[in-house]
N, C-alpha and C. Protein backbone atom coordinates (compact mmCIF):
# COMPACT_ATOMS: atom_id res chain seq x y z
N MET A 1 195.31 -34.18 -27.77
CA MET A 1 196.70 -33.83 -27.94
C MET A 1 197.46 -34.02 -26.64
N TYR A 2 196.85 -33.64 -25.52
CA TYR A 2 197.54 -33.75 -24.25
C TYR A 2 198.00 -35.17 -23.95
N ARG A 3 197.13 -36.15 -24.23
CA ARG A 3 197.48 -37.54 -23.94
C ARG A 3 198.73 -37.99 -24.69
N HIS A 4 198.97 -37.42 -25.87
CA HIS A 4 200.08 -37.85 -26.69
C HIS A 4 201.36 -37.05 -26.46
N THR A 5 201.26 -35.91 -25.83
CA THR A 5 202.44 -35.06 -25.71
C THR A 5 202.91 -34.83 -24.28
N ILE A 6 202.08 -35.10 -23.31
CA ILE A 6 202.51 -34.95 -21.91
C ILE A 6 203.02 -36.30 -21.44
N PRO A 7 204.22 -36.35 -20.88
CA PRO A 7 204.81 -37.64 -20.47
C PRO A 7 204.24 -38.15 -19.14
N TYR A 8 202.97 -38.57 -19.17
CA TYR A 8 202.30 -39.01 -17.96
C TYR A 8 203.03 -40.17 -17.28
N ALA A 9 203.47 -41.17 -18.04
CA ALA A 9 204.14 -42.33 -17.44
C ALA A 9 205.39 -41.90 -16.67
N TYR A 10 206.18 -41.02 -17.28
CA TYR A 10 207.38 -40.53 -16.60
C TYR A 10 207.02 -39.75 -15.34
N LEU A 11 206.02 -38.88 -15.45
CA LEU A 11 205.62 -38.09 -14.29
C LEU A 11 205.06 -38.96 -13.17
N HIS A 12 204.28 -39.99 -13.52
CA HIS A 12 203.77 -40.92 -12.50
C HIS A 12 204.92 -41.64 -11.80
N ALA A 13 205.90 -42.10 -12.60
CA ALA A 13 207.02 -42.83 -12.02
C ALA A 13 207.91 -41.92 -11.17
N ARG A 14 208.08 -40.70 -11.62
CA ARG A 14 209.00 -39.76 -10.92
C ARG A 14 208.38 -39.16 -9.67
N PHE A 15 207.11 -38.73 -9.77
CA PHE A 15 206.49 -37.97 -8.67
C PHE A 15 205.31 -38.69 -8.01
N GLY A 16 204.78 -39.74 -8.65
CA GLY A 16 203.61 -40.42 -8.13
C GLY A 16 202.36 -39.87 -8.79
N ALA A 17 201.44 -40.77 -9.09
CA ALA A 17 200.20 -40.36 -9.76
C ALA A 17 199.43 -39.37 -8.89
N LYS A 18 199.01 -38.30 -9.52
CA LYS A 18 198.19 -37.25 -8.89
C LYS A 18 198.90 -36.53 -7.74
N SER A 19 200.23 -36.58 -7.74
CA SER A 19 200.96 -35.83 -6.71
C SER A 19 200.86 -34.35 -7.03
N PRO A 20 201.02 -33.48 -6.03
CA PRO A 20 200.96 -32.04 -6.31
C PRO A 20 201.97 -31.59 -7.35
N THR A 21 203.16 -32.16 -7.34
CA THR A 21 204.18 -31.79 -8.32
C THR A 21 203.74 -32.19 -9.72
N GLU A 22 203.21 -33.42 -9.86
CA GLU A 22 202.75 -33.86 -11.18
C GLU A 22 201.62 -32.96 -11.68
N ILE A 23 200.70 -32.61 -10.81
CA ILE A 23 199.57 -31.76 -11.20
C ILE A 23 200.06 -30.40 -11.69
N VAL A 24 201.02 -29.82 -11.00
CA VAL A 24 201.56 -28.52 -11.40
C VAL A 24 202.28 -28.60 -12.75
N ILE A 25 203.06 -29.66 -12.94
CA ILE A 25 203.78 -29.82 -14.21
C ILE A 25 202.81 -29.99 -15.36
N VAL A 26 201.79 -30.84 -15.17
CA VAL A 26 200.80 -31.05 -16.21
C VAL A 26 200.06 -29.76 -16.53
N MET A 27 199.68 -29.01 -15.50
CA MET A 27 198.99 -27.74 -15.72
C MET A 27 199.89 -26.74 -16.45
N ALA A 28 201.15 -26.67 -16.08
CA ALA A 28 202.08 -25.76 -16.75
C ALA A 28 202.25 -26.13 -18.23
N LEU A 29 202.37 -27.42 -18.51
CA LEU A 29 202.49 -27.85 -19.91
C LEU A 29 201.23 -27.52 -20.70
N ARG A 30 200.07 -27.75 -20.10
CA ARG A 30 198.82 -27.46 -20.79
C ARG A 30 198.69 -25.96 -21.08
N LYS A 31 199.08 -25.12 -20.14
CA LYS A 31 199.00 -23.68 -20.34
C LYS A 31 200.02 -23.23 -21.39
N PHE A 32 201.19 -23.84 -21.39
CA PHE A 32 202.19 -23.53 -22.41
C PHE A 32 201.66 -23.87 -23.80
N TYR A 33 201.06 -25.06 -23.93
CA TYR A 33 200.47 -25.47 -25.21
C TYR A 33 199.41 -24.46 -25.65
N SER A 34 198.62 -24.01 -24.69
CA SER A 34 197.57 -23.05 -24.99
C SER A 34 198.17 -21.74 -25.51
N LEU A 35 199.22 -21.28 -24.86
CA LEU A 35 199.88 -20.04 -25.29
C LEU A 35 200.42 -20.18 -26.71
N VAL A 36 201.04 -21.29 -27.01
CA VAL A 36 201.57 -21.51 -28.36
C VAL A 36 200.43 -21.54 -29.38
N ALA A 37 199.34 -22.23 -29.07
CA ALA A 37 198.21 -22.31 -29.98
C ALA A 37 197.60 -20.92 -30.21
N PHE A 38 197.47 -20.14 -29.17
CA PHE A 38 196.91 -18.79 -29.32
C PHE A 38 197.86 -17.88 -30.08
N ALA A 39 199.16 -18.06 -29.92
CA ALA A 39 200.13 -17.27 -30.71
C ALA A 39 199.99 -17.62 -32.18
N LEU A 40 199.82 -18.88 -32.48
CA LEU A 40 199.62 -19.29 -33.87
C LEU A 40 198.32 -18.67 -34.41
N ALA A 41 197.27 -18.67 -33.61
CA ALA A 41 196.00 -18.06 -34.02
C ALA A 41 196.17 -16.57 -34.27
N GLY A 42 196.95 -15.89 -33.43
CA GLY A 42 197.20 -14.47 -33.61
C GLY A 42 197.98 -14.19 -34.88
N PHE A 43 198.95 -15.04 -35.16
CA PHE A 43 199.73 -14.91 -36.39
C PHE A 43 198.84 -15.08 -37.62
N VAL A 44 198.01 -16.10 -37.60
CA VAL A 44 197.11 -16.38 -38.73
C VAL A 44 196.09 -15.25 -38.87
N ALA A 45 195.55 -14.77 -37.76
CA ALA A 45 194.58 -13.67 -37.81
C ALA A 45 195.19 -12.44 -38.46
N ASP A 46 196.42 -12.11 -38.09
CA ASP A 46 197.07 -10.94 -38.67
C ASP A 46 197.31 -11.13 -40.15
N ARG A 47 197.74 -12.31 -40.55
CA ARG A 47 198.02 -12.58 -41.96
C ARG A 47 196.74 -12.62 -42.79
N ALA A 48 195.63 -13.02 -42.19
CA ALA A 48 194.36 -13.14 -42.92
C ALA A 48 193.69 -11.79 -43.16
N LEU A 49 194.07 -10.79 -42.37
CA LEU A 49 193.45 -9.47 -42.47
C LEU A 49 194.39 -8.49 -43.15
N PRO A 50 193.85 -7.39 -43.67
CA PRO A 50 194.71 -6.37 -44.29
C PRO A 50 195.71 -5.80 -43.28
N ALA A 51 196.80 -5.28 -43.77
CA ALA A 51 197.81 -4.67 -42.91
C ALA A 51 197.15 -3.64 -41.99
N HIS A 52 197.70 -3.56 -40.80
CA HIS A 52 197.12 -2.68 -39.78
C HIS A 52 198.24 -1.97 -39.06
N ARG A 53 197.95 -0.78 -38.57
CA ARG A 53 198.94 0.00 -37.84
C ARG A 53 199.40 -0.68 -36.56
N ARG A 54 198.50 -1.39 -35.90
CA ARG A 54 198.81 -2.05 -34.63
C ARG A 54 198.42 -3.53 -34.70
N PRO A 55 199.17 -4.33 -35.44
CA PRO A 55 198.78 -5.72 -35.63
C PRO A 55 198.78 -6.55 -34.35
N ALA A 56 199.70 -6.26 -33.44
CA ALA A 56 199.76 -7.03 -32.20
C ALA A 56 198.52 -6.77 -31.35
N LEU A 57 198.11 -5.51 -31.26
CA LEU A 57 196.91 -5.16 -30.48
C LEU A 57 195.67 -5.79 -31.12
N ARG A 58 195.56 -5.68 -32.44
CA ARG A 58 194.41 -6.27 -33.13
C ARG A 58 194.36 -7.78 -32.92
N SER A 59 195.49 -8.46 -33.05
CA SER A 59 195.52 -9.90 -32.86
C SER A 59 195.21 -10.27 -31.40
N ALA A 60 195.69 -9.47 -30.46
CA ALA A 60 195.41 -9.73 -29.04
C ALA A 60 193.91 -9.64 -28.76
N VAL A 61 193.26 -8.64 -29.33
CA VAL A 61 191.81 -8.47 -29.11
C VAL A 61 191.04 -9.60 -29.78
N ILE A 62 191.39 -9.94 -30.99
CA ILE A 62 190.67 -11.00 -31.71
C ILE A 62 190.82 -12.33 -31.00
N VAL A 63 192.05 -12.70 -30.67
CA VAL A 63 192.29 -13.99 -30.04
C VAL A 63 191.77 -14.00 -28.60
N GLY A 64 191.89 -12.88 -27.91
CA GLY A 64 191.33 -12.79 -26.57
C GLY A 64 189.82 -12.97 -26.56
N ALA A 65 189.14 -12.39 -27.55
CA ALA A 65 187.68 -12.56 -27.67
C ALA A 65 187.34 -14.02 -27.99
N PHE A 66 188.13 -14.64 -28.86
CA PHE A 66 187.94 -16.04 -29.18
C PHE A 66 188.12 -16.91 -27.94
N SER A 67 189.16 -16.64 -27.18
CA SER A 67 189.43 -17.38 -25.95
C SER A 67 188.29 -17.20 -24.94
N PHE A 68 187.79 -15.98 -24.84
CA PHE A 68 186.68 -15.70 -23.94
C PHE A 68 185.45 -16.53 -24.34
N CYS A 69 185.18 -16.62 -25.63
CA CYS A 69 184.05 -17.43 -26.10
C CYS A 69 184.23 -18.90 -25.76
N ILE A 70 185.45 -19.39 -25.88
CA ILE A 70 185.75 -20.78 -25.50
C ILE A 70 185.45 -20.99 -24.03
N GLU A 71 185.89 -20.07 -23.19
CA GLU A 71 185.70 -20.21 -21.75
C GLU A 71 184.22 -20.13 -21.37
N VAL A 72 183.47 -19.26 -22.02
CA VAL A 72 182.03 -19.18 -21.75
C VAL A 72 181.36 -20.50 -22.14
N ALA A 73 181.73 -21.04 -23.29
CA ALA A 73 181.16 -22.32 -23.73
C ALA A 73 181.51 -23.43 -22.75
N GLN A 74 182.74 -23.45 -22.27
CA GLN A 74 183.13 -24.46 -21.29
C GLN A 74 182.31 -24.32 -20.00
N TYR A 75 182.13 -23.09 -19.56
CA TYR A 75 181.35 -22.83 -18.34
C TYR A 75 179.91 -23.31 -18.51
N LEU A 76 179.33 -22.97 -19.68
CA LEU A 76 177.93 -23.32 -19.92
C LEU A 76 177.72 -24.83 -20.10
N THR A 77 178.77 -25.55 -20.43
CA THR A 77 178.64 -27.02 -20.59
C THR A 77 179.12 -27.77 -19.36
N GLY A 78 179.28 -27.07 -18.24
CA GLY A 78 179.55 -27.74 -16.98
C GLY A 78 181.00 -27.90 -16.59
N SER A 79 181.87 -27.04 -17.06
CA SER A 79 183.28 -27.10 -16.68
C SER A 79 183.41 -26.99 -15.16
N THR A 80 184.34 -27.75 -14.61
CA THR A 80 184.58 -27.70 -13.17
C THR A 80 185.77 -26.80 -12.83
N GLU A 81 186.33 -26.12 -13.83
CA GLU A 81 187.46 -25.23 -13.58
C GLU A 81 186.99 -24.01 -12.79
N SER A 82 187.89 -23.49 -11.98
CA SER A 82 187.58 -22.29 -11.20
C SER A 82 187.57 -21.05 -12.10
N ILE A 83 187.00 -19.98 -11.59
CA ILE A 83 186.98 -18.73 -12.34
C ILE A 83 188.42 -18.26 -12.58
N TYR A 84 189.31 -18.53 -11.65
CA TYR A 84 190.72 -18.18 -11.79
C TYR A 84 191.31 -18.83 -13.04
N ILE A 85 191.02 -20.10 -13.25
CA ILE A 85 191.56 -20.81 -14.41
C ILE A 85 190.96 -20.23 -15.70
N HIS A 86 189.66 -19.90 -15.68
CA HIS A 86 189.04 -19.31 -16.86
C HIS A 86 189.69 -17.97 -17.20
N VAL A 87 189.92 -17.16 -16.18
CA VAL A 87 190.55 -15.85 -16.39
C VAL A 87 191.98 -16.04 -16.89
N MET A 88 192.69 -17.03 -16.34
CA MET A 88 194.06 -17.28 -16.78
C MET A 88 194.06 -17.70 -18.25
N ASP A 89 193.10 -18.53 -18.66
CA ASP A 89 193.04 -18.97 -20.06
C ASP A 89 192.76 -17.80 -21.00
N VAL A 90 191.87 -16.90 -20.63
CA VAL A 90 191.59 -15.74 -21.48
C VAL A 90 192.82 -14.83 -21.54
N THR A 91 193.49 -14.68 -20.41
CA THR A 91 194.72 -13.87 -20.38
C THR A 91 195.79 -14.48 -21.29
N LEU A 92 195.92 -15.80 -21.26
CA LEU A 92 196.86 -16.46 -22.17
C LEU A 92 196.45 -16.26 -23.62
N GLY A 93 195.15 -16.21 -23.88
CA GLY A 93 194.67 -15.93 -25.23
C GLY A 93 195.09 -14.55 -25.70
N VAL A 94 194.95 -13.57 -24.83
CA VAL A 94 195.36 -12.21 -25.18
C VAL A 94 196.88 -12.13 -25.41
N ILE A 95 197.63 -12.72 -24.49
CA ILE A 95 199.09 -12.69 -24.62
C ILE A 95 199.53 -13.45 -25.86
N GLY A 96 198.95 -14.62 -26.09
CA GLY A 96 199.30 -15.39 -27.28
C GLY A 96 198.97 -14.65 -28.56
N GLY A 97 197.79 -14.02 -28.61
CA GLY A 97 197.42 -13.21 -29.77
C GLY A 97 198.39 -12.09 -30.01
N TRP A 98 198.80 -11.43 -28.93
CA TRP A 98 199.78 -10.35 -29.05
C TRP A 98 201.11 -10.86 -29.61
N ILE A 99 201.56 -12.00 -29.09
CA ILE A 99 202.81 -12.59 -29.58
C ILE A 99 202.68 -12.92 -31.06
N GLY A 100 201.58 -13.55 -31.46
CA GLY A 100 201.37 -13.90 -32.86
C GLY A 100 201.35 -12.68 -33.76
N GLY A 101 200.67 -11.62 -33.35
CA GLY A 101 200.63 -10.39 -34.13
C GLY A 101 201.99 -9.74 -34.23
N THR A 102 202.75 -9.80 -33.16
CA THR A 102 204.09 -9.23 -33.16
C THR A 102 205.01 -9.99 -34.10
N VAL A 103 204.97 -11.31 -34.03
CA VAL A 103 205.81 -12.12 -34.92
C VAL A 103 205.41 -11.91 -36.37
N SER A 104 204.11 -11.83 -36.62
CA SER A 104 203.64 -11.60 -37.99
C SER A 104 204.17 -10.26 -38.51
N ARG A 105 204.08 -9.24 -37.71
CA ARG A 105 204.55 -7.91 -38.13
C ARG A 105 206.04 -7.94 -38.42
N ARG A 106 206.79 -8.58 -37.55
CA ARG A 106 208.24 -8.59 -37.74
C ARG A 106 208.65 -9.41 -38.97
N THR A 107 207.96 -10.52 -39.20
CA THR A 107 208.30 -11.31 -40.39
C THR A 107 207.86 -10.57 -41.66
N ARG A 108 206.77 -9.84 -41.58
CA ARG A 108 206.32 -9.06 -42.75
C ARG A 108 207.33 -7.95 -43.03
N ARG A 109 207.80 -7.28 -42.02
CA ARG A 109 208.81 -6.22 -42.21
C ARG A 109 210.11 -6.79 -42.77
N ALA A 110 210.50 -7.98 -42.28
CA ALA A 110 211.75 -8.60 -42.76
C ALA A 110 211.63 -8.94 -44.25
N ARG A 111 210.47 -9.41 -44.66
CA ARG A 111 210.26 -9.73 -46.10
C ARG A 111 210.26 -8.48 -46.96
N GLU A 112 209.63 -7.42 -46.44
CA GLU A 112 209.57 -6.18 -47.22
C GLU A 112 210.95 -5.55 -47.32
N GLY A 113 211.76 -5.72 -46.29
CA GLY A 113 213.11 -5.14 -46.31
C GLY A 113 214.08 -5.94 -47.15
N ALA A 114 213.76 -7.20 -47.42
CA ALA A 114 214.68 -8.05 -48.17
C ALA A 114 214.57 -7.85 -49.66
């Protein structure tokens, strides 16, 4: 997905291939994509399970655990990312799950109120 959605040619032309600015922009876009994907996972997790008193917390825990498993698998298969990046990815999983659970709860309330 990254190859098709990150404007590498533009970034290379604007900042130079592998420049610090290009690296930061690419990393920020990748982390943003990750956050959106985890929010979607949190939304789906909340919708797939029975109603809960704290859907955002439940989704954050579920998606955070899923993200943690992904990071462990990456580490065990030889990932060269630093521990900081792994922790950041799990944190984004928790935040994304929380966002997804929150959006799910609000849309569910809006439907019930309509």
